[in-house]
């Protein structure tokens, strides 16, 4: 009798598995059908529903669970520690992907707050941070260690009554990966650099495809990630990092968007399958990278991403807003619905090996909180433009006037500067001095690659690349050049692709000539715009092909609104 019931139970389980397998197979077939027989809004444009189906981001908890498991282990170790600064537990690379970070677990008899000092090779490379809260059980996050060194990390404990005592702990790290290449310092004037409180700000070389790392004022690597990162490396309003990485290191495509931090903890991860029809045969599917160049946080804390829409014909011309909590797509902006049809149907500026048309090549965007406008940069149209984010209606276009239909000419900004050189192949747009800007006046910074793809001044194309700042009157539709640097460097620092230019404070700008000498060099330059003095200059060579620096960003290891915690991530 018992055997009979066992057979019935096994039979029921097999039926359940079979039904589940058939359901999965059916869903897979249905999805494949809709991917190869795509629904269009018009001849060249996919429907919004089709784009959502093509992209389908999903939340992954795999890395969050790993993070929580490690944090739980450290919480238990801290709970079991004996009291006393000599009984501390020192951990290197606590979350396994940031080798130049550490964690010190320690208990004190009295409630104290802790200050951290990572000893540098000079006073300007000694990294300091003070934690504000008083407690007896401390989990002290340490950032900014040197590679291949026994680092000395000093913790100073202070009671509420002001009594101080300290202890030096040692943290030994391994050598750097060779793929970082060589970072040779040509100029360094730390007293005139923007290093932030406690020298916590590093120059981060954001990879196109490979290793992202941070340099101190002497050009030494003080942070890097073992994760492969492509293009996206941003600091969010909560102090976390947003990065574009791989779902698995064994896969070639970058289809995982992670909310993480400098220690390597993962708070959220959104995965994209990237399974799209091929151009040569629309019935065949191939895996593509979905997010390609940029991602920003909107005022509602959702994320806006530059994506491929999944069509068989066009790439890098669409944006999606995803819900931060669920990953669901809340809004789709297809640039083919905004710009003239001739821009993509008659485009011939570049070609791709897969046959698809990269007519726009969106590489950056910026949301203006004051006006609700979204600024967009497209390399292959040599164009920066603004739309109202809610309505997606065009506000203005910054570009030379070639190959634009008459109906679009009214949006063009008119130069007030004599012999104004329009942007060509530009990158890294951002508004600056936003608190000072009044009404319709805005200041826009960008990196002008100065390589004409569709429109611009062919006579000086590729002669140099430059960092630019312009003032735009959005009401009068005028543009005035405010500042520029790079022309004097000539062809030696011309960059056909990539590059960035960011105002970082003290009147300084940090410029990345990321594809110098045909991509064999990247050069990071910090310059004071008023005095024209170069205060920091690093030449990067010896890196792997494709791993040139996409952007150079000055960021703090200890963001203002972020503190280290071992709490479970929900």
Protein backbone atom coordinates (compact mmCIF):
# COMPACT_ATOMS: atom_id res chain seq x y z
CA UNK A 1 0.00 0.00 0.00
CA UNK A 2 2.82 2.31 0.94
CA UNK A 3 4.59 1.65 -2.38
CA UNK A 4 1.37 2.36 -4.23
CA UNK A 5 1.07 5.82 -2.64
CA UNK A 6 4.75 6.47 -3.32
CA UNK A 7 4.19 5.70 -7.02
CA UNK A 8 1.14 7.99 -7.10
CA UNK A 9 3.13 10.78 -5.41
CA UNK A 10 6.02 10.39 -7.87
CA UNK A 11 3.54 10.38 -10.77
CA UNK A 12 1.94 13.59 -9.53
CA UNK A 13 5.34 15.25 -9.19
CA UNK A 14 6.26 14.22 -12.73
CA UNK A 15 2.99 15.70 -14.01
CA UNK A 16 3.70 18.95 -12.15
CA UNK A 17 7.23 19.14 -13.58
CA UNK A 18 5.93 18.30 -17.05
CA UNK A 19 3.21 20.96 -16.85
CA UNK A 20 5.74 23.51 -15.58
CA UNK A 21 8.16 22.62 -18.35
CA UNK A 22 5.46 22.92 -21.01
CA UNK A 23 4.37 26.29 -19.59
CA UNK A 24 7.96 27.54 -19.63
CA UNK A 25 8.44 26.23 -23.17
CA UNK A 26 5.19 27.91 -24.22
CA UNK A 27 6.21 31.24 -22.67
CA UNK A 28 9.63 31.03 -24.33
CA UNK A 29 8.01 30.32 -27.71
CA UNK A 30 5.53 33.18 -27.29
CA UNK A 31 8.35 35.59 -26.37
CA UNK A 32 10.44 34.42 -29.35
CA UNK A 33 7.45 34.94 -31.64
CA UNK A 34 7.00 38.55 -30.50
CA UNK A 35 10.73 39.24 -30.78
CA UNK A 36 10.96 38.14 -34.41
CA UNK A 37 7.54 39.43 -35.51
CA UNK A 38 7.80 42.88 -34.03
CA UNK A 39 4.89 45.30 -33.81
CA UNK A 40 5.63 48.73 -35.27
CA UNK A 41 4.19 52.15 -34.54
CA UNK A 42 5.12 53.15 -38.09
CA UNK A 43 7.39 51.78 -40.81
CA UNK A 44 10.69 52.46 -39.01
CA UNK A 45 9.53 52.84 -35.40
CA UNK A 46 8.62 50.09 -32.94
CA UNK A 47 5.55 50.42 -30.75
CA UNK A 48 6.15 51.34 -27.12
CA UNK A 49 4.67 48.00 -26.01
CA UNK A 50 7.10 46.17 -28.31
CA UNK A 51 10.11 48.03 -26.88
CA UNK A 52 9.02 47.16 -23.34
CA UNK A 53 8.68 43.51 -24.34
CA UNK A 54 12.09 43.53 -26.07
CA UNK A 55 13.94 44.93 -23.04
CA UNK A 56 12.07 43.40 -20.07
CA UNK A 57 14.42 44.26 -17.17
CA UNK A 58 14.22 41.89 -14.21
CA UNK A 59 15.37 42.27 -10.62
CA UNK A 60 18.09 39.83 -9.59
CA UNK A 61 18.71 39.03 -5.90
CA UNK A 62 21.72 36.74 -6.38
CA UNK A 63 24.39 39.31 -5.47
CA UNK A 64 22.22 40.95 -2.81
CA UNK A 65 21.95 37.58 -1.03
CA UNK A 66 25.73 37.17 -1.19
CA UNK A 67 26.17 40.65 0.27
CA UNK A 68 23.72 39.93 3.09
CA UNK A 69 25.44 36.65 3.90
CA UNK A 70 28.82 38.37 4.24
CA UNK A 71 27.33 41.17 6.34
CA UNK A 72 25.69 38.61 8.62
CA UNK A 73 29.05 36.87 9.08
CA UNK A 74 30.70 40.17 10.09
CA UNK A 75 27.84 41.04 12.45
CA UNK A 76 28.33 37.72 14.26
CA UNK A 77 32.10 38.27 14.47
CA UNK A 78 31.54 41.72 15.95
CA UNK A 79 29.02 40.40 18.47
CA UNK A 80 31.48 37.72 19.61
CA UNK A 81 34.49 40.05 19.91
CA UNK A 82 36.08 40.82 23.24
CA UNK A 83 36.11 44.50 24.24
CA UNK A 84 39.31 46.46 23.64
CA UNK A 85 41.00 48.16 20.70
CA UNK A 86 43.72 45.54 20.82
CA UNK A 87 41.13 42.79 20.18
CA UNK A 88 39.94 44.16 16.83
CA UNK A 89 39.31 42.00 13.78
CA UNK A 90 40.82 43.36 10.53
CA UNK A 91 39.33 42.24 7.19
CA UNK A 92 40.69 43.05 3.72
CA UNK A 93 38.32 43.29 0.74
CA UNK A 94 35.23 42.45 2.82
CA UNK A 95 32.85 42.13 -0.15
CA UNK A 96 35.33 40.38 -2.47
CA UNK A 97 35.30 42.81 -5.43
CA UNK A 98 37.13 45.92 -4.08
CA UNK A 99 40.64 44.79 -3.06
CA UNK A 100 41.77 48.19 -1.73
CA UNK A 101 39.02 48.40 0.89
CA UNK A 102 38.85 47.06 4.41
CA UNK A 103 36.72 46.55 7.47
CA UNK A 104 37.78 46.85 11.10
CA UNK A 105 35.53 45.30 13.76
CA UNK A 106 36.21 46.60 17.27
CA UNK A 107 34.44 47.12 20.60
CA UNK A 108 35.08 49.90 23.11
CA UNK A 109 34.04 50.00 26.75
CA UNK A 110 32.64 53.53 26.47
CA UNK A 111 30.52 54.80 23.56
CA UNK A 112 32.87 56.50 21.10
CA UNK A 113 32.94 57.92 17.61
CA UNK A 114 35.72 56.91 15.25
CA UNK A 115 38.04 58.79 12.90
CA UNK A 116 39.89 56.86 10.18
CA UNK A 117 43.24 57.86 8.69
CA UNK A 118 44.83 55.82 5.89
CA UNK A 119 48.48 56.88 5.86
CA UNK A 120 49.55 58.21 2.47
CA UNK A 121 52.91 59.00 0.94
CA UNK A 122 52.27 62.67 1.70
CA UNK A 123 49.88 64.83 3.71
CA UNK A 124 47.75 65.36 0.59
CA UNK A 125 47.44 61.63 -0.06
CA UNK A 126 46.59 60.67 3.51
CA UNK A 127 42.86 59.89 3.39
CA UNK A 128 40.80 60.82 6.46
CA UNK A 129 37.20 60.29 7.50
CA UNK A 130 35.35 60.88 10.77
CA UNK A 131 32.20 58.92 11.58
CA UNK A 132 29.64 60.93 13.53
CA UNK A 133 27.70 58.40 15.62
CA UNK A 134 28.75 57.18 19.07
CA UNK A 135 28.60 53.45 19.77
CA UNK A 136 30.37 50.64 21.63
CA UNK A 137 30.41 48.16 18.74
CA UNK A 138 32.15 49.54 15.65
CA UNK A 139 32.18 48.25 12.08
CA UNK A 140 34.61 50.73 10.53
CA UNK A 141 34.75 50.87 6.73
CA UNK A 142 38.22 51.68 5.37
CA UNK A 143 38.75 53.04 1.85
CA UNK A 144 41.81 54.23 -0.06
CA UNK A 145 44.40 51.54 0.66
CA UNK A 146 47.48 51.25 -1.54
CA UNK A 147 48.06 48.09 -3.58
CA UNK A 148 50.91 45.68 -2.84
CA UNK A 149 51.66 47.29 0.52
CA UNK A 150 51.32 46.88 4.26
CA UNK A 151 49.03 49.86 4.87
CA UNK A 152 48.93 51.66 8.20
CA UNK A 153 45.40 52.63 9.21
CA UNK A 154 44.96 54.73 12.32
CA UNK A 155 41.65 54.70 14.21
CA UNK A 156 41.08 57.47 16.73
CA UNK A 157 38.28 56.92 19.24
CA UNK A 158 36.60 59.86 20.99
CA UNK A 159 34.12 59.67 23.86
CA UNK A 160 31.25 62.13 24.33
CA UNK A 161 33.29 63.87 27.03
CA UNK A 162 36.11 64.49 24.52
CA UNK A 163 38.59 61.84 25.69
CA UNK A 164 40.60 60.42 22.78
CA UNK A 165 42.67 57.28 22.29
CA UNK A 166 43.97 55.62 19.13
CA UNK A 167 45.41 52.49 17.58
CA UNK A 168 47.23 51.74 14.31
CA UNK A 169 46.15 48.63 12.40
CA UNK A 170 47.96 47.11 9.43
CA UNK A 171 46.28 45.98 6.21
CA UNK A 172 48.32 44.10 3.62
CA UNK A 173 47.06 44.19 0.04
CA UNK A 174 47.95 42.37 -3.17
CA UNK A 175 49.35 43.76 -6.41
CA UNK A 176 47.33 45.60 -9.05
CA UNK A 177 46.01 43.85 -12.16
CA UNK A 178 48.30 44.55 -15.10
CA UNK A 179 45.33 45.60 -17.27
CA UNK A 180 45.16 48.93 -15.42
CA UNK A 181 48.27 49.89 -17.33
CA UNK A 182 50.74 52.60 -16.37
CA UNK A 183 49.64 55.96 -14.94
CA UNK A 184 52.56 58.37 -15.31
CA UNK A 185 52.26 61.71 -13.50
CA UNK A 186 53.38 64.65 -15.64
CA UNK A 187 52.16 67.40 -13.27
CA UNK A 188 50.83 67.37 -9.71
CA UNK A 189 50.14 70.45 -7.57
CA UNK A 190 48.00 69.01 -4.75
CA UNK A 191 47.49 72.35 -2.96
CA UNK A 192 45.70 73.65 -6.06
CA UNK A 193 43.75 70.47 -6.84
CA UNK A 194 40.18 69.73 -5.74
CA UNK A 195 40.72 66.88 -3.27
CA UNK A 196 37.82 67.41 -0.86
CA UNK A 197 37.71 67.23 2.91
CA UNK A 198 40.19 64.63 4.16
CA UNK A 199 41.62 64.19 0.63
CA UNK A 200 38.83 61.70 -0.03
CA UNK A 201 38.31 62.72 -3.67
CA UNK A 202 40.06 60.60 -6.28
CA UNK A 203 40.29 60.86 -10.05
CA UNK A 204 38.27 57.91 -11.32
CA UNK A 205 39.15 56.55 -14.75
CA UNK A 206 35.85 55.06 -15.93
CA UNK A 207 36.43 52.24 -18.35
CA UNK A 208 34.85 51.83 -21.76
CA UNK A 209 35.05 48.08 -21.24
CA UNK A 210 37.25 46.78 -18.44
CA UNK A 211 38.79 48.07 -15.21
CA UNK A 212 37.60 51.23 -13.46
CA UNK A 213 39.94 52.68 -10.83
CA UNK A 214 40.68 55.80 -8.77
CA UNK A 215 43.94 57.78 -8.54
CA UNK A 216 45.17 60.04 -5.72
CA UNK A 217 47.02 63.35 -6.14
CA UNK A 218 50.30 61.50 -6.81
CA UNK A 219 48.79 59.25 -9.47
CA UNK A 220 48.70 56.14 -7.25
CA UNK A 221 45.77 53.74 -7.50
CA UNK A 222 43.76 53.84 -4.26
CA UNK A 223 40.63 52.00 -5.40
CA UNK A 224 39.59 49.61 -8.15
CA UNK A 225 36.92 47.03 -8.81
CA UNK A 226 37.51 43.50 -10.00
CA UNK A 227 34.15 43.68 -11.81
CA UNK A 228 34.24 44.46 -15.50
CA UNK A 229 32.58 47.87 -15.89
CA UNK A 230 31.41 49.56 -19.08
CA UNK A 231 30.65 53.31 -19.38
CA UNK A 232 28.31 53.73 -16.40
CA UNK A 233 29.92 54.66 -13.06
CA UNK A 234 27.77 57.25 -11.28
CA UNK A 235 27.17 58.39 -7.71
CA UNK A 236 23.50 58.39 -6.70
CA UNK A 237 21.83 60.82 -4.28
CA UNK A 238 21.96 58.23 -1.46
CA UNK A 239 25.75 57.89 -1.88
CA UNK A 240 25.59 54.53 -3.64
CA UNK A 241 27.21 53.83 -7.00
CA UNK A 242 25.41 52.91 -10.20
CA UNK A 243 27.50 50.73 -12.51
CA UNK A 244 27.01 48.75 -15.70
CA UNK A 245 28.63 45.34 -15.47
CA UNK A 246 28.16 41.75 -16.63
CA UNK A 247 25.59 39.26 -15.35
CA UNK A 248 28.46 36.78 -15.36
CA UNK A 249 32.15 37.44 -15.98
CA UNK A 250 32.11 34.61 -18.54
CA UNK A 251 29.63 36.45 -20.77
CA UNK A 252 30.83 39.10 -23.28
CA UNK A 253 27.86 41.48 -22.91
CA UNK A 254 27.29 44.12 -20.22
CA UNK A 255 23.67 43.51 -19.24
CA UNK A 256 23.60 43.97 -15.46
CA UNK A 257 22.89 47.39 -13.96
CA UNK A 258 23.96 47.40 -10.30
CA UNK A 259 23.35 49.73 -7.41
CA UNK A 260 26.45 49.10 -5.33
CA UNK A 261 29.09 51.02 -3.30
CA UNK A 262 32.87 51.36 -3.06
CA UNK A 263 33.06 48.30 -0.79
CA UNK A 264 31.31 46.16 -3.40
CA UNK A 265 27.99 45.53 -1.63
CA UNK A 266 25.09 45.13 -4.03
CA UNK A 267 21.80 46.82 -3.11
CA UNK A 268 19.89 46.13 -6.34
CA UNK A 269 20.60 44.57 -9.71
CA UNK A 270 18.58 44.83 -12.89
CA UNK A 271 19.28 42.21 -15.56
CA UNK A 272 18.54 42.56 -19.29
CA UNK A 273 18.49 39.58 -21.66
CA UNK A 274 19.39 41.63 -24.75
CA UNK A 275 17.98 39.00 -27.11
CA UNK A 276 17.22 40.92 -30.32
CA UNK A 277 16.66 40.06 -33.99
CA UNK A 278 19.73 40.23 -36.21
CA UNK A 279 19.83 42.66 -39.13
CA UNK A 280 20.75 40.02 -41.69
CA UNK A 281 17.93 37.65 -40.71
CA UNK A 282 15.07 39.01 -38.59
CA UNK A 283 14.02 35.45 -37.67
CA UNK A 284 17.34 34.86 -35.92
CA UNK A 285 18.08 36.22 -32.43
CA UNK A 286 21.42 37.29 -30.93
CA UNK A 287 22.41 38.70 -27.56
CA UNK A 288 23.24 42.41 -27.47
CA UNK A 289 24.31 44.85 -24.76
CA UNK A 290 21.12 46.78 -23.91
CA UNK A 291 22.38 49.79 -21.88
CA UNK A 292 25.26 51.30 -23.80
CA UNK A 293 26.61 54.67 -22.59
CA UNK A 294 24.77 56.44 -19.80
CA UNK A 295 22.35 56.20 -16.90
CA UNK A 296 21.16 58.98 -14.61
CA UNK A 297 18.97 59.33 -11.53
CA UNK A 298 15.81 61.38 -11.97
CA UNK A 299 14.34 63.64 -9.22
CA UNK A 300 11.82 60.88 -8.37
CA UNK A 301 14.85 58.55 -7.90
CA UNK A 302 13.91 56.36 -10.85
CA UNK A 303 16.66 55.62 -13.36
CA UNK A 304 16.83 56.89 -16.94
CA UNK A 305 18.91 54.69 -19.25
CA UNK A 306 20.28 54.98 -22.79
CA UNK A 307 19.35 51.70 -24.52
CA UNK A 308 18.96 49.80 -27.75
CA UNK A 309 15.23 49.36 -28.41
CA UNK A 310 15.64 45.79 -29.66
CA UNK A 311 14.89 46.40 -33.33
CA UNK A 312 16.66 44.67 -36.17
CA UNK A 313 17.62 47.94 -37.83
CA UNK A 314 18.53 50.75 -35.39
CA UNK A 315 20.61 51.03 -32.21
CA UNK A 316 21.51 53.53 -29.46
CA UNK A 317 18.61 55.90 -30.06
CA UNK A 318 16.18 55.17 -27.22
CA UNK A 319 15.81 55.94 -23.51
CA UNK A 320 13.77 54.16 -20.84
CA UNK A 321 12.84 55.21 -17.32
CA UNK A 322 12.73 52.24 -14.94
CA UNK A 323 11.14 52.09 -11.51
CA UNK A 324 13.94 51.99 -8.92
CA UNK A 325 12.10 49.47 -6.73
CA UNK A 326 10.69 47.05 -9.30
CA UNK A 327 12.74 47.54 -12.46
CA UNK A 328 9.57 47.97 -14.54
CA UNK A 329 9.71 50.34 -17.50
CA UNK A 330 7.71 53.50 -16.74
CA UNK A 331 8.49 55.59 -19.83
CA UNK A 332 9.99 55.09 -23.30
CA UNK A 333 11.54 57.90 -25.35
CA UNK A 334 12.35 56.88 -28.92
CA UNK A 335 14.42 59.60 -30.59
CA UNK A 336 13.13 58.53 -34.01
CA UNK A 337 9.82 60.06 -32.93
CA UNK A 338 11.50 63.40 -32.12
CA UNK A 339 14.16 64.02 -34.78
CA UNK A 340 13.62 64.14 -38.57
CA UNK A 341 13.07 60.87 -40.41
CA UNK A 342 15.87 61.69 -42.84
CA UNK A 343 18.36 61.65 -39.94
CA UNK A 344 18.05 57.88 -39.63
CA UNK A 345 16.73 56.71 -43.01
CA UNK A 346 19.44 58.57 -44.97
CA UNK A 347 22.30 58.22 -42.49
CA UNK A 348 25.66 57.08 -43.89
CA UNK A 349 28.22 58.55 -41.47
CA UNK A 350 29.34 55.30 -39.83
CA UNK A 351 28.85 51.56 -40.33
CA UNK A 352 28.65 48.61 -37.95
CA UNK A 353 29.78 45.03 -38.42
CA UNK A 354 26.27 43.75 -37.53
CA UNK A 355 24.67 45.89 -40.27
CA UNK A 356 22.46 47.90 -37.90
CA UNK A 357 22.33 51.70 -38.20
CA UNK A 358 23.87 53.72 -35.37
CA UNK A 359 22.53 57.02 -36.69
CA UNK A 360 22.40 58.91 -33.37
CA UNK A 361 24.77 57.18 -30.92
CA UNK A 362 23.46 58.77 -27.72
CA UNK A 363 26.33 59.05 -25.25
CA UNK A 364 25.07 61.28 -22.42
CA UNK A 365 22.09 63.09 -20.95
CA UNK A 366 21.29 65.55 -18.19
CA UNK A 367 18.02 66.36 -16.43
CA UNK A 368 17.46 70.03 -15.52
CA UNK A 369 15.39 70.13 -12.32
CA UNK A 370 14.56 73.84 -12.71
CA UNK A 371 12.90 73.56 -16.12
CA UNK A 372 12.00 69.88 -16.41
CA UNK A 373 14.08 69.71 -19.58
CA UNK A 374 16.18 66.73 -20.59
CA UNK A 375 19.42 67.50 -22.45
CA UNK A 376 20.62 64.83 -24.87
CA UNK A 377 23.93 64.31 -26.72
CA UNK A 378 24.23 62.29 -29.92
CA UNK A 379 27.73 61.77 -31.33
CA UNK A 380 26.76 60.68 -34.84
CA UNK A 381 24.43 63.64 -35.39
CA UNK A 382 26.99 66.07 -33.89
CA UNK A 383 24.07 67.36 -31.86
CA UNK A 384 23.01 68.41 -28.37
CA UNK A 385 19.33 69.16 -27.87
CA UNK A 386 16.78 69.76 -25.12
CA UNK A 387 13.27 68.33 -24.81
CA UNK A 388 10.62 68.76 -22.17
CA UNK A 389 10.85 65.45 -20.32
CA UNK A 390 7.10 65.11 -19.73
CA UNK A 391 5.89 65.98 -23.24
CA UNK A 392 9.14 65.10 -25.15
CA UNK A 393 8.65 68.27 -27.23
CA UNK A 394 11.81 69.84 -28.67
CA UNK A 395 13.01 73.06 -26.99
CA UNK A 396 16.30 73.82 -28.77
CA UNK A 397 19.12 72.24 -30.77
CA UNK A 398 22.84 73.01 -30.50
CA UNK A 399 24.34 71.94 -33.83
CA UNK A 400 25.50 73.22 -37.18
CA UNK A 401 22.60 73.65 -39.61
CA UNK A 402 23.58 71.17 -42.35
CA UNK A 403 21.17 68.34 -43.25
CA UNK A 404 18.32 69.61 -41.10
CA UNK A 405 14.86 70.06 -42.66
CA UNK A 406 13.44 73.57 -42.67
CA UNK A 407 10.87 72.64 -40.00
CA UNK A 408 13.73 72.00 -37.54
CA UNK A 409 15.74 75.15 -38.27
CA UNK A 410 13.63 77.17 -35.81
CA UNK A 411 15.06 75.14 -32.90
CA UNK A 412 18.71 75.91 -33.72
CA UNK A 413 20.68 78.08 -31.29
CA UNK A 414 22.35 81.08 -32.94
CA UNK A 415 25.97 81.82 -31.94
CA UNK A 416 26.83 85.25 -30.56
CA UNK A 417 30.53 84.35 -30.56
CA UNK A 418 32.50 85.21 -33.69
CA UNK A 419 33.75 82.17 -35.65
CA UNK A 420 31.89 79.85 -33.29
CA UNK A 421 32.96 76.21 -33.74
CA UNK A 422 30.00 73.88 -33.32
CA UNK A 423 30.29 70.66 -31.37
CA UNK A 424 31.15 67.59 -33.41
CA UNK A 425 31.12 64.02 -32.06
CA UNK A 426 30.79 65.49 -28.54
CA UNK A 427 30.47 63.69 -25.17
CA UNK A 428 29.67 64.26 -21.48
CA UNK A 429 27.09 67.04 -21.41
CA UNK A 430 26.15 68.66 -18.09
CA UNK A 431 24.75 71.95 -16.81
CA UNK A 432 26.96 73.78 -14.31
CA UNK A 433 26.43 76.65 -11.89
CA UNK A 434 22.78 75.56 -11.71
CA UNK A 435 22.16 77.50 -8.47
CA UNK A 436 23.42 80.72 -10.08
CA UNK A 437 21.62 80.26 -13.38
CA UNK A 438 18.59 82.54 -13.67
CA UNK A 439 15.49 82.01 -15.76
CA UNK A 440 16.34 80.94 -19.27
CA UNK A 441 20.14 81.36 -18.93
CA UNK A 442 22.06 78.10 -18.47
CA UNK A 443 25.74 77.13 -18.70
CA UNK A 444 26.51 73.89 -20.49
CA UNK A 445 29.79 71.99 -20.36
CA UNK A 446 30.77 69.20 -22.73
CA UNK A 447 33.75 67.52 -24.33
CA UNK A 448 34.02 68.48 -28.00
CA UNK A 449 35.74 65.63 -29.80
CA UNK A 450 35.75 67.86 -32.89
CA UNK A 451 35.20 65.01 -35.34
CA UNK A 452 32.51 65.78 -37.90
CA UNK A 453 30.24 62.81 -38.58
CA UNK A 454 27.09 64.42 -40.00
CA UNK A 455 27.41 68.20 -39.62
CA UNK A 456 30.05 70.74 -38.61
CA UNK A 457 33.23 72.43 -39.81
CA UNK A 458 35.11 69.89 -41.93
CA UNK A 459 38.11 72.21 -42.37
CA UNK A 460 39.18 71.83 -38.71
CA UNK A 461 37.68 68.41 -37.99
CA UNK A 462 40.18 66.12 -36.21
CA UNK A 463 42.73 68.91 -35.70
CA UNK A 464 42.21 68.84 -31.92
CA UNK A 465 39.67 67.98 -29.20
CA UNK A 466 38.58 70.42 -26.50
CA UNK A 467 36.73 70.95 -23.26
CA UNK A 468 34.05 73.61 -23.73
CA UNK A 469 31.64 75.67 -21.65
CA UNK A 470 28.90 77.67 -23.37
CA UNK A 471 26.11 79.95 -22.13
CA UNK A 472 22.67 79.33 -23.62
CA UNK A 473 19.74 81.74 -23.59
CA UNK A 474 16.85 79.32 -24.00
CA UNK A 475 14.33 82.09 -24.63
CA UNK A 476 16.30 83.99 -27.27
CA UNK A 477 17.82 80.73 -28.56
CA UNK A 478 21.40 82.00 -28.56
CA UNK A 479 24.69 80.34 -27.60
CA UNK A 480 27.87 82.08 -26.43
CA UNK A 481 31.24 80.45 -25.84
CA UNK A 482 32.46 80.99 -22.26
CA UNK A 483 35.59 78.86 -22.04
CA UNK A 484 37.54 76.26 -23.95
CA UNK A 485 40.76 74.28 -23.63
CA UNK A 486 42.43 71.76 -25.92
CA UNK A 487 43.12 73.54 -29.21
CA UNK A 488 46.71 74.30 -28.14
CA UNK A 489 47.34 70.58 -27.61
CA UNK A 490 46.62 69.90 -31.28
CA UNK A 491 46.43 66.43 -32.79
CA UNK A 492 48.48 64.82 -30.00
CA UNK A 493 45.38 64.73 -27.77
CA UNK A 494 42.71 64.49 -30.47
CA UNK A 495 40.18 61.84 -29.47
CA UNK A 496 37.99 60.37 -32.18
CA UNK A 497 35.73 58.74 -29.58
CA UNK A 498 35.09 58.95 -25.78
CA UNK A 499 36.22 61.83 -23.56
CA UNK A 500 34.82 64.06 -20.81
CA UNK A 501 35.00 67.51 -19.25
CA UNK A 502 33.67 68.29 -15.77
CA UNK A 503 33.83 71.41 -13.60
CA UNK A 504 34.89 70.09 -10.18
CA UNK A 505 35.12 73.21 -8.01
CA UNK A 506 37.66 75.98 -7.24
CA UNK A 507 37.30 77.10 -10.86
CA UNK A 508 38.95 73.85 -11.97
CA UNK A 509 37.88 71.45 -14.73
CA UNK A 510 38.90 67.80 -15.07
CA UNK A 511 39.34 66.75 -18.70
CA UNK A 512 39.76 63.27 -20.13
CA UNK A 513 41.45 62.97 -23.52
CA UNK A 514 40.42 59.33 -23.48
CA UNK A 515 41.35 58.12 -26.96
CA UNK A 516 44.61 59.91 -27.65
CA UNK A 517 47.01 58.47 -30.24
CA UNK A 518 44.28 56.31 -31.79
CA UNK A 519 43.29 54.80 -28.47
CA UNK A 520 46.72 53.81 -27.17
CA UNK A 521 46.71 56.61 -24.57
CA UNK A 522 44.31 58.31 -22.16
CA UNK A 523 45.31 61.58 -20.52
CA UNK A 524 43.65 63.18 -17.48
CA UNK A 525 44.15 66.92 -17.03
CA UNK A 526 42.94 69.18 -14.21
CA UNK A 527 43.19 72.84 -15.16
CA UNK A 528 42.16 76.12 -13.56
CA UNK A 529 39.94 77.89 -16.06
CA UNK A 530 40.92 81.41 -14.92
CA UNK A 531 44.70 81.08 -14.52
CA UNK A 532 45.01 78.40 -17.27
CA UNK A 533 47.38 76.55 -14.93
CA UNK A 534 47.49 72.76 -15.21
CA UNK A 535 47.52 71.40 -11.66
CA UNK A 536 47.27 67.68 -12.42
CA UNK A 537 48.22 65.71 -15.52
CA UNK A 538 48.41 61.93 -15.79
CA UNK A 539 49.27 59.94 -18.90
CA UNK A 540 47.79 56.43 -19.02
CA UNK A 541 49.34 53.79 -21.32
CA UNK A 542 49.77 50.02 -21.51
CA UNK A 543 46.10 49.06 -21.09
CA UNK A 544 44.17 46.44 -23.03
CA UNK A 545 42.53 47.34 -26.34
CA UNK A 546 38.99 48.57 -25.74
CA UNK A 547 39.74 49.53 -22.13
CA UNK A 548 40.44 53.19 -22.88
CA UNK A 549 39.03 55.64 -20.34
CA UNK A 550 35.52 56.68 -21.28
CA UNK A 551 35.31 59.41 -18.63
CA UNK A 552 37.43 60.88 -15.85
CA UNK A 553 35.43 61.85 -12.77
CA UNK A 554 36.46 63.43 -9.45
CA UNK A 555 34.45 61.61 -6.77
CA UNK A 556 34.66 61.21 -3.00
CA UNK A 557 35.27 57.77 -1.52
CA UNK A 558 33.09 58.88 1.41
CA UNK A 559 29.95 60.51 -0.06
CA UNK A 560 28.21 63.05 2.15
CA UNK A 561 24.95 61.12 2.57
CA UNK A 562 26.42 57.65 2.97
CA UNK A 563 27.77 55.83 6.00
CA UNK A 564 29.05 52.27 6.33
CA UNK A 565 26.61 49.75 7.81
CA UNK A 566 26.39 45.99 8.21
CA UNK A 567 22.58 46.05 8.19
CA UNK A 568 20.73 43.62 5.96
CA UNK A 569 19.83 44.94 2.52
CA UNK A 570 16.14 44.45 1.77
